[in-house]
Amino acid sequence: MGRYIESVCKICRREGMKLFFKGDRCYTDKCAFERRSYAPGQHGQGRGKVTPYALQLREKQRVKRMYGLLMEEQFHGYFKEAERIKGITGENLLLLLERRLDNVAYRLGFADSRSDARQLILHRHVLVNGKNVNISSYLVKPGDVIEVKEKSRNKARVNEALEAVERLGVPQWLELDKASHKGVIKSMPRREDITMPIQEQFIVELYSR
């Protein structure tokens, strides 16, 4: 019912930043955002009045889309969990999202986008501690071993993504053994590990209205 079926490049243009939905293509001159960085639609180049509420809503939408086009109910659930955890709610929210299995598979270079990582997980190509896990929202923890199933390691899409991971870099909280298609969660992620420009306080303010 809530599945997004239009061009994902429109999402990047709407959010005013690259969200890397198309992997390697996003680094080339074929990227739609490079050619048309303004919002899609008839009034995409217009300047509407930006209210505080609009800023807060835009930031929430951006983060929902960045982490895999999450539905509102699911995203709000993460926010409620972030409130319960000791610490800064906005940071807790982002760190919960970082721990999602689809994000970790993407960060390790097993897929060239989070949506592609979700497909790998759904079709049981990814193991966690040697066991099949086909739930993209599974939250990893320190010590977990994430790997591509042995019979899936010859897939072209996986190996092409691994070749590109050197350009993206692997976060410090993860350790990648590229040769064995295996990664280890060394520690919990930290706020500084998230390099995308996110103003999470806007999301907290929105949900606190």
C-alpha atoms as a PDB file:
ATOM      1  CA  MET A   1       0.000   0.000   0.000  1.00  0.00           C
ATOM      2  CA  GLY A   2       2.783   2.462   0.903  1.00  0.00           C
ATOM      3  CA  ARG A   3       5.343   1.172  -1.573  1.00  0.00           C
ATOM      4  CA  TYR A   4       7.194   3.891  -3.511  1.00  0.00           C
ATOM      5  CA  ILE A   5       7.075   3.131  -7.247  1.00  0.00           C
ATOM      6  CA  GLU A   6       8.319   6.359  -8.846  1.00  0.00           C
ATOM      7  CA  SER A   7      11.900   7.226  -9.757  1.00  0.00           C
ATOM      8  CA  VAL A   8      14.077   7.258  -6.636  1.00  0.00           C
ATOM      9  CA  CYS A   9      16.139  10.060  -8.219  1.00  0.00           C
ATOM     10  CA  LYS A  10      13.175  12.354  -7.557  1.00  0.00           C
ATOM     11  CA  ILE A  11      13.635  11.685  -3.846  1.00  0.00           C
ATOM     12  CA  CYS A  12      17.227  12.960  -3.921  1.00  0.00           C
ATOM     13  CA  ARG A  13      16.104  16.063  -5.807  1.00  0.00           C
ATOM     14  CA  ARG A  14      13.279  16.653  -3.335  1.00  0.00           C
ATOM     15  CA  GLU A  15      15.635  16.318  -0.353  1.00  0.00           C
ATOM     16  CA  GLY A  16      18.316  18.494  -1.929  1.00  0.00           C
ATOM     17  CA  MET A  17      21.070  15.909  -1.441  1.00  0.00           C
ATOM     18  CA  LYS A  18      22.305  12.606  -2.802  1.00  0.00           C
ATOM     19  CA  LEU A  19      20.916   9.617  -0.928  1.00  0.00           C
ATOM     20  CA  PHE A  20      22.790   7.070  -3.091  1.00  0.00           C
ATOM     21  CA  PHE A  21      19.811   4.934  -4.053  1.00  0.00           C
ATOM     22  CA  LYS A  22      21.512   3.817  -7.269  1.00  0.00           C
ATOM     23  CA  GLY A  23      24.942   2.933  -5.928  1.00  0.00           C
ATOM     24  CA  ASP A  24      27.818   3.527  -8.320  1.00  0.00           C
ATOM     25  CA  ARG A  25      25.670   5.505 -10.782  1.00  0.00           C
ATOM     26  CA  CYS A  26      25.365   8.260  -8.182  1.00  0.00           C
ATOM     27  CA  TYR A  27      29.095   8.977  -8.586  1.00  0.00           C
ATOM     28  CA  THR A  28      28.860   9.529 -12.349  1.00  0.00           C
ATOM     29  CA  ASP A  29      27.606  12.378 -14.531  1.00  0.00           C
ATOM     30  CA  LYS A  30      24.506  10.241 -15.227  1.00  0.00           C
ATOM     31  CA  CYS A  31      23.231  11.050 -11.737  1.00  0.00           C
ATOM     32  CA  ALA A  32      19.928  12.950 -12.047  1.00  0.00           C
ATOM     33  CA  PHE A  33      20.796  15.088  -9.021  1.00  0.00           C
ATOM     34  CA  GLU A  34      23.945  16.350 -10.748  1.00  0.00           C
ATOM     35  CA  ARG A  35      21.936  17.381 -13.785  1.00  0.00           C
ATOM     36  CA  ARG A  36      18.907  18.813 -11.956  1.00  0.00           C
ATOM     37  CA  SER A  37      19.573  19.504  -8.297  1.00  0.00           C
ATOM     38  CA  TYR A  38      16.303  21.391  -7.807  1.00  0.00           C
ATOM     39  CA  ALA A  39      13.087  19.762  -6.548  1.00  0.00           C
ATOM     40  CA  PRO A  40      10.950  17.885  -9.097  1.00  0.00           C
ATOM     41  CA  GLY A  41       7.631  19.188 -10.382  1.00  0.00           C
ATOM     42  CA  GLN A  42       6.313  22.339 -11.984  1.00  0.00           C
ATOM     43  CA  HIS A  43       7.269  24.545  -9.051  1.00  0.00           C
ATOM     44  CA  GLY A  44      10.501  22.790  -8.177  1.00  0.00           C
ATOM     45  CA  GLN A  45      12.650  25.857  -8.773  1.00  0.00           C
ATOM     46  CA  GLY A  46      10.334  28.196  -6.896  1.00  0.00           C
ATOM     47  CA  ARG A  47      11.063  29.576  -3.451  1.00  0.00           C
ATOM     48  CA  GLY A  48       8.255  28.820  -1.049  1.00  0.00           C
ATOM     49  CA  LYS A  49       8.129  30.124   2.499  1.00  0.00           C
ATOM     50  CA  VAL A  50      10.051  27.784   4.789  1.00  0.00           C
ATOM     51  CA  THR A  51       8.479  27.571   8.224  1.00  0.00           C
ATOM     52  CA  PRO A  52      10.029  25.876  11.284  1.00  0.00           C
ATOM     53  CA  TYR A  53       7.469  23.075  10.897  1.00  0.00           C
ATOM     54  CA  ALA A  54       8.470  22.613   7.238  1.00  0.00           C
ATOM     55  CA  LEU A  55      12.136  22.312   8.237  1.00  0.00           C
ATOM     56  CA  GLN A  56      11.308  19.735  10.889  1.00  0.00           C
ATOM     57  CA  LEU A  57       9.083  17.693   8.579  1.00  0.00           C
ATOM     58  CA  ARG A  58      11.634  17.821   5.754  1.00  0.00           C
ATOM     59  CA  GLU A  59      14.359  16.512   8.059  1.00  0.00           C
ATOM     60  CA  LYS A  60      12.193  13.624   9.232  1.00  0.00           C
ATOM     61  CA  GLN A  61      11.306  12.710   5.657  1.00  0.00           C
ATOM     62  CA  ARG A  62      14.946  12.897   4.632  1.00  0.00           C
ATOM     63  CA  VAL A  63      16.095  10.493   7.350  1.00  0.00           C
ATOM     64  CA  LYS A  64      13.193   8.082   6.709  1.00  0.00           C
ATOM     65  CA  ARG A  65      14.150   7.952   3.053  1.00  0.00           C
ATOM     66  CA  MET A  66      17.876   7.814   3.678  1.00  0.00           C
ATOM     67  CA  TYR A  67      17.536   4.629   5.733  1.00  0.00           C
ATOM     68  CA  GLY A  68      15.446   2.775   3.188  1.00  0.00           C
ATOM     69  CA  LEU A  69      12.089   4.505   2.662  1.00  0.00           C
ATOM     70  CA  LEU A  70      10.838   3.574   6.115  1.00  0.00           C
ATOM     71  CA  MET A  71       7.120   3.797   6.827  1.00  0.00           C
ATOM     72  CA  GLU A  72       5.924   6.341   9.401  1.00  0.00           C
ATOM     73  CA  GLU A  73       4.747   3.734  11.935  1.00  0.00           C
ATOM     74  CA  GLN A  74       8.101   1.968  11.868  1.00  0.00           C
ATOM     75  CA  PHE A  75      10.096   5.197  12.063  1.00  0.00           C
ATOM     76  CA  HIS A  76       8.004   6.484  14.954  1.00  0.00           C
ATOM     77  CA  GLY A  77       8.635   3.189  16.727  1.00  0.00           C
ATOM     78  CA  TYR A  78      12.371   3.826  16.497  1.00  0.00           C
ATOM     79  CA  PHE A  79      11.808   7.296  17.932  1.00  0.00           C
ATOM     80  CA  LYS A  80       9.871   5.898  20.904  1.00  0.00           C
ATOM     81  CA  GLU A  81      12.681   3.399  21.536  1.00  0.00           C
ATOM     82  CA  ALA A  82      15.259   6.218  21.284  1.00  0.00           C
ATOM     83  CA  GLU A  83      13.344   8.132  23.980  1.00  0.00           C
ATOM     84  CA  ARG A  84      13.543   5.146  26.316  1.00  0.00           C
ATOM     85  CA  ILE A  85      17.313   4.750  25.916  1.00  0.00           C
ATOM     86  CA  LYS A  86      19.581   6.777  28.168  1.00  0.00           C
ATOM     87  CA  GLY A  87      21.242   9.648  26.328  1.00  0.00           C
ATOM     88  CA  ILE A  88      20.298  12.217  23.680  1.00  0.00           C
ATOM     89  CA  THR A  89      17.109  11.149  21.907  1.00  0.00           C
ATOM     90  CA  GLY A  90      18.087  12.432  18.456  1.00  0.00           C
ATOM     91  CA  GLU A  91      21.447  10.692  18.517  1.00  0.00           C
ATOM     92  CA  ASN A  92      19.892   7.499  19.879  1.00  0.00           C
ATOM     93  CA  LEU A  93      17.459   7.511  16.952  1.00  0.00           C
ATOM     94  CA  LEU A  94      20.214   7.719  14.348  1.00  0.00           C
ATOM     95  CA  LEU A  95      22.312   5.064  16.067  1.00  0.00           C
ATOM     96  CA  LEU A  96      19.362   2.663  16.143  1.00  0.00           C
ATOM     97  CA  LEU A  97      18.912   3.181  12.403  1.00  0.00           C
ATOM     98  CA  GLU A  98      22.629   2.602  11.835  1.00  0.00           C
ATOM     99  CA  ARG A  99      22.370  -0.770  13.560  1.00  0.00           C
ATOM    100  CA  ARG A 100      19.738  -2.071  11.132  1.00  0.00           C
ATOM    101  CA  LEU A 101      21.004  -5.139   9.277  1.00  0.00           C
ATOM    102  CA  ASP A 102      20.268  -3.662   5.845  1.00  0.00           C
ATOM    103  CA  ASN A 103      22.316  -0.575   6.702  1.00  0.00           C
ATOM    104  CA  VAL A 104      25.198  -2.694   8.034  1.00  0.00           C
ATOM    105  CA  ALA A 105      25.225  -4.886   4.906  1.00  0.00           C
ATOM    106  CA  TYR A 106      25.358  -1.695   2.827  1.00  0.00           C
ATOM    107  CA  ARG A 107      28.085  -0.148   4.985  1.00  0.00           C
ATOM    108  CA  LEU A 108      30.196  -3.308   4.688  1.00  0.00           C
ATOM    109  CA  GLY A 109      29.916  -3.160   0.900  1.00  0.00           C
ATOM    110  CA  PHE A 110      27.800  -6.263   0.332  1.00  0.00           C
ATOM    111  CA  ALA A 111      25.327  -4.112  -1.637  1.00  0.00           C
ATOM    112  CA  ASP A 112      25.571  -0.791  -3.432  1.00  0.00           C
ATOM    113  CA  SER A 113      22.458   0.647  -1.761  1.00  0.00           C
ATOM    114  CA  ARG A 114      20.299  -0.026   1.281  1.00  0.00           C
ATOM    115  CA  SER A 115      17.417  -1.182  -0.907  1.00  0.00           C
ATOM    116  CA  ASP A 116      19.719  -3.682  -2.635  1.00  0.00           C
ATOM    117  CA  ALA A 117      20.941  -4.841   0.788  1.00  0.00           C
ATOM    118  CA  ARG A 118      17.328  -5.367   1.806  1.00  0.00           C
ATOM    119  CA  GLN A 119      16.789  -7.634  -1.185  1.00  0.00           C
ATOM    120  CA  LEU A 120      19.880  -9.697  -0.314  1.00  0.00           C
ATOM    121  CA  ILE A 121      18.638 -10.129   3.239  1.00  0.00           C
ATOM    122  CA  LEU A 122      15.071 -10.927   2.201  1.00  0.00           C
ATOM    123  CA  HIS A 123      16.293 -13.676  -0.142  1.00  0.00           C
ATOM    124  CA  ARG A 124      18.476 -15.195   2.597  1.00  0.00           C
ATOM    125  CA  HIS A 125      21.882 -14.393   1.137  1.00  0.00           C
ATOM    126  CA  VAL A 126      23.121 -12.874   4.421  1.00  0.00           C
ATOM    127  CA  LEU A 127      24.078 -14.712   7.625  1.00  0.00           C
ATOM    128  CA  VAL A 128      24.356 -13.311  11.148  1.00  0.00           C
ATOM    129  CA  ASN A 129      26.580 -15.402  13.413  1.00  0.00           C
ATOM    130  CA  GLY A 130      26.262 -18.269  10.950  1.00  0.00           C
ATOM    131  CA  LYS A 131      22.451 -18.237  10.903  1.00  0.00           C
ATOM    132  CA  ASN A 132      20.015 -17.054   8.247  1.00  0.00           C
ATOM    133  CA  VAL A 133      18.390 -13.734   9.096  1.00  0.00           C
ATOM    134  CA  ASN A 134      15.919 -12.361   6.566  1.00  0.00           C
ATOM    135  CA  ILE A 135      14.700  -9.392   8.606  1.00  0.00           C
ATOM    136  CA  SER A 136      16.159  -6.091   7.371  1.00  0.00           C
ATOM    137  CA  SER A 137      15.320  -4.305  10.623  1.00  0.00           C
ATOM    138  CA  TYR A 138      17.313  -6.784  12.753  1.00  0.00           C
ATOM    139  CA  LEU A 139      19.532  -4.740  15.093  1.00  0.00           C
ATOM    140  CA  VAL A 140      23.149  -5.866  15.223  1.00  0.00           C
ATOM    141  CA  LYS A 141      25.275  -5.698  18.382  1.00  0.00           C
ATOM    142  CA  PRO A 142      29.019  -5.770  19.130  1.00  0.00           C
ATOM    143  CA  GLY A 143      30.574  -9.136  18.369  1.00  0.00           C
ATOM    144  CA  ASP A 144      28.069 -10.083  15.668  1.00  0.00           C
ATOM    145  CA  VAL A 145      29.544 -11.547  12.475  1.00  0.00           C
ATOM    146  CA  ILE A 146      27.765 -10.556   9.269  1.00  0.00           C
ATOM    147  CA  GLU A 147      28.617 -12.445   6.094  1.00  0.00           C
ATOM    148  CA  VAL A 148      27.364 -13.310   2.647  1.00  0.00           C
ATOM    149  CA  LYS A 149      26.320 -16.940   2.385  1.00  0.00           C
ATOM    150  CA  GLU A 150      29.072 -19.003   0.724  1.00  0.00           C
ATOM    151  CA  LYS A 151      27.028 -20.054  -2.299  1.00  0.00           C
ATOM    152  CA  SER A 152      26.029 -16.406  -2.879  1.00  0.00           C
ATOM    153  CA  ARG A 153      29.564 -15.004  -2.911  1.00  0.00           C
ATOM    154  CA  ASN A 154      29.947 -15.364  -6.655  1.00  0.00           C
ATOM    155  CA  LYS A 155      27.028 -13.039  -7.365  1.00  0.00           C
ATOM    156  CA  ALA A 156      28.134 -10.202  -9.643  1.00  0.00           C
ATOM    157  CA  ARG A 157      26.114  -7.571  -7.778  1.00  0.00           C
ATOM    158  CA  VAL A 158      27.805  -8.470  -4.484  1.00  0.00           C
ATOM    159  CA  ASN A 159      31.337  -8.437  -5.874  1.00  0.00           C
ATOM    160  CA  GLU A 160      30.786  -5.204  -7.792  1.00  0.00           C
ATOM    161  CA  ALA A 161      29.568  -3.558  -4.589  1.00  0.00           C
ATOM    162  CA  LEU A 162      32.612  -4.848  -2.673  1.00  0.00           C
ATOM    163  CA  GLU A 163      34.926  -3.374  -5.303  1.00  0.00           C
ATOM    164  CA  ALA A 164      33.321   0.031  -4.782  1.00  0.00           C
ATOM    165  CA  VAL A 165      33.457  -0.046  -0.982  1.00  0.00           C
ATOM    166  CA  GLU A 166      37.005   1.316  -0.910  1.00  0.00           C
ATOM    167  CA  ARG A 167      35.760   4.611  -2.314  1.00  0.00           C
ATOM    168  CA  LEU A 168      32.976   4.832   0.274  1.00  0.00           C
ATOM    169  CA  GLY A 169      35.046   3.607   3.206  1.00  0.00           C
ATOM    170  CA  VAL A 170      33.963   1.318   6.041  1.00  0.00           C
ATOM    171  CA  PRO A 171      32.976   2.990   9.349  1.00  0.00           C
ATOM    172  CA  GLN A 172      35.329   2.476  12.291  1.00  0.00           C
ATOM    173  CA  TRP A 173      32.742   0.506  14.252  1.00  0.00           C
ATOM    174  CA  LEU A 174      32.793  -2.178  11.546  1.00  0.00           C
ATOM    175  CA  GLU A 175      35.589  -4.442  10.320  1.00  0.00           C
ATOM    176  CA  LEU A 176      35.496  -5.932   6.827  1.00  0.00           C
ATOM    177  CA  ASP A 177      37.307  -9.033   5.583  1.00  0.00           C
ATOM    178  CA  LYS A 178      36.764  -8.456   1.893  1.00  0.00           C
ATOM    179  CA  ALA A 179      38.261 -11.767   0.771  1.00  0.00           C
ATOM    180  CA  SER A 180      35.854 -13.854   2.858  1.00  0.00           C
ATOM    181  CA  HIS A 181      32.828 -11.568   2.381  1.00  0.00           C
ATOM    182  CA  LYS A 182      32.606 -11.181   6.128  1.00  0.00           C
ATOM    183  CA  GLY A 183      32.262  -8.298   8.546  1.00  0.00           C
ATOM    184  CA  VAL A 184      32.421  -7.951  12.339  1.00  0.00           C
ATOM    185  CA  ILE A 185      30.619  -5.425  14.545  1.00  0.00           C
ATOM    186  CA  LYS A 186      33.534  -4.099  16.606  1.00  0.00           C
ATOM    187  CA  SER A 187      31.527  -1.668  18.727  1.00  0.00           C
ATOM    188  CA  MET A 188      28.336   0.333  18.854  1.00  0.00           C
ATOM    189  CA  PRO A 189      28.205   3.128  16.247  1.00  0.00           C
ATOM    190  CA  ARG A 190      28.836   6.698  17.389  1.00  0.00           C
ATOM    191  CA  ARG A 191      27.257   9.931  16.190  1.00  0.00           C
ATOM    192  CA  GLU A 192      30.486  10.996  14.469  1.00  0.00           C
ATOM    193  CA  ASP A 193      30.374   7.830  12.341  1.00  0.00           C
ATOM    194  CA  ILE A 194      27.353   9.264  10.503  1.00  0.00           C
ATOM    195  CA  THR A 195      28.783  11.681   7.969  1.00  0.00           C
ATOM    196  CA  MET A 196      25.584  12.606   6.127  1.00  0.00           C
ATOM    197  CA  PRO A 197      24.349  16.113   7.042  1.00  0.00           C
ATOM    198  CA  ILE A 198      21.484  15.337   9.421  1.00  0.00           C
ATOM    199  CA  GLN A 199      19.948  17.710  11.969  1.00  0.00           C
ATOM    200  CA  GLU A 200      18.277  15.174  14.193  1.00  0.00           C
ATOM    201  CA  GLN A 201      17.123  17.812  16.694  1.00  0.00           C
ATOM    202  CA  PHE A 202      14.530  18.911  14.133  1.00  0.00           C
ATOM    203  CA  ILE A 203      12.997  15.426  14.280  1.00  0.00           C
ATOM    204  CA  VAL A 204      12.850  15.526  18.071  1.00  0.00           C
ATOM    205  CA  GLU A 205      11.179  18.938  17.930  1.00  0.00           C
ATOM    206  CA  LEU A 206       8.646  17.681  15.404  1.00  0.00           C
ATOM    207  CA  TYR A 207       7.608  14.675  17.494  1.00  0.00           C
ATOM    208  CA  SER A 208       7.514  16.869  20.617  1.00  0.00           C
ATOM    209  CA  ARG A 209       4.978  19.344  19.165  1.00  0.00           C
END
